[in-house]
Amino acid sequence: MDTTQLLLTVVLTVTTILLVVIGIQLILVLRELRVALKRINGIIDAFEKVGGSVEHGFAELTGFFAGAKSLFSIIDILRRKKNGKK
């Protein structure tokens, strides 16, 4: 074998080994990224559930205050009628 062929074979072998190592590392990084994205998706889903619960609670609270306002309006009307008769 000529020195040029030997050098070319060594360089190609080293390059192939490096590319295989880089490929394996890339696969491992992509797996880690996939796991992280699944966790983030779970956290986002939990926040959506909490947001829906808060929205539902806020709607109930608004309904309660609307009912209380109606009750106070009725009491005020009855008080005016009672004061008007006396």
Protein backbone atom coordinates (compact mmCIF):
# COMPACT_ATOMS: atom_id res chain seq x y z
CA MET A 1 0.00 0.00 0.00
CA ASP A 2 1.11 3.44 -0.83
CA THR A 3 1.38 6.02 1.97
CA THR A 4 -1.32 8.11 0.32
CA GLN A 5 -3.75 5.18 0.35
CA LEU A 6 -2.85 4.37 3.96
CA LEU A 7 -3.36 7.96 5.04
CA LEU A 8 -6.66 8.14 3.16
CA THR A 9 -7.86 4.89 4.79
CA VAL A 10 -6.90 6.13 8.28
CA VAL A 11 -8.61 9.48 7.72
CA LEU A 12 -11.76 7.83 6.41
CA THR A 13 -11.82 5.38 9.33
CA VAL A 14 -11.39 8.14 11.91
CA THR A 15 -14.03 10.27 10.17
CA THR A 16 -16.46 7.34 10.10
CA ILE A 17 -15.92 6.63 13.79
CA LEU A 18 -16.43 10.30 14.67
CA LEU A 19 -19.62 10.48 12.60
CA VAL A 20 -20.98 7.34 14.28
CA VAL A 21 -20.24 8.79 17.72
CA ILE A 22 -21.86 12.11 16.75
CA GLY A 23 -24.90 10.22 15.41
CA ILE A 24 -25.29 8.27 18.65
CA GLN A 25 -24.99 11.46 20.68
CA LEU A 26 -27.57 13.13 18.46
CA ILE A 27 -30.00 10.26 19.00
CA LEU A 28 -29.51 10.51 22.78
CA VAL A 29 -30.05 14.27 22.74
CA LEU A 30 -33.21 13.89 20.67
CA ARG A 31 -34.54 11.29 23.14
CA GLU A 32 -33.86 13.66 26.04
CA LEU A 33 -35.60 16.45 24.14
CA ARG A 34 -38.59 14.19 23.54
CA VAL A 35 -38.85 13.39 27.26
CA ALA A 36 -38.54 17.08 28.16
CA LEU A 37 -41.24 18.04 25.67
CA LYS A 38 -43.56 15.38 27.10
CA ARG A 39 -43.03 16.82 30.59
CA ILE A 40 -43.64 20.35 29.35
CA ASN A 41 -46.81 19.19 27.59
CA GLY A 42 -48.01 17.62 30.84
CA ILE A 43 -47.34 20.84 32.73
CA ILE A 44 -49.22 22.86 30.11
CA ASP A 45 -52.17 20.47 30.32
CA ALA A 46 -52.21 20.88 34.10
CA PHE A 47 -52.21 24.66 33.74
CA GLU A 48 -55.11 24.42 31.28
CA LYS A 49 -57.07 22.35 33.81
CA VAL A 50 -56.33 24.87 36.56
CA GLY A 51 -57.30 27.74 34.26
CA GLY A 52 -60.59 26.02 33.42
CA SER A 53 -61.28 25.49 37.12
CA VAL A 54 -60.54 29.12 37.89
CA GLU A 55 -62.75 30.23 35.03
CA HIS A 56 -65.58 28.00 36.27
CA GLY A 57 -65.16 29.30 39.83
CA PHE A 58 -65.13 32.88 38.59
CA ALA A 59 -68.36 32.28 36.65
CA GLU A 60 -69.99 30.85 39.77
CA LEU A 61 -68.79 33.81 41.84
CA THR A 62 -70.16 36.24 39.26
CA GLY A 63 -73.48 34.40 39.32
CA PHE A 64 -73.57 34.59 43.10
CA PHE A 65 -72.99 38.33 43.09
CA ALA A 66 -75.62 38.81 40.38
CA GLY A 67 -78.10 36.89 42.54
CA ALA A 68 -77.16 38.92 45.61
CA LYS A 69 -77.65 42.12 43.62
CA SER A 70 -81.09 40.94 42.53
CA LEU A 71 -81.95 40.05 46.12
CA PHE A 72 -80.91 43.49 47.35
CA SER A 73 -82.96 45.10 44.56
CA ILE A 74 -86.04 43.15 45.66
CA ILE A 75 -85.44 44.10 49.30
CA ASP A 76 -85.06 47.75 48.27
CA ILE A 77 -88.34 47.64 46.28
CA LEU A 78 -90.17 46.03 49.21
CA ARG A 79 -88.73 48.61 51.61
CA ARG A 80 -89.91 51.46 49.36
CA LYS A 81 -93.44 49.99 49.17
CA LYS A 82 -93.50 49.47 52.93
CA ASN A 83 -92.34 53.06 53.61
CA GLY A 84 -94.87 54.39 51.10
CA LYS A 85 -97.83 52.64 52.83
CA LYS A 86 -96.96 53.91 56.31
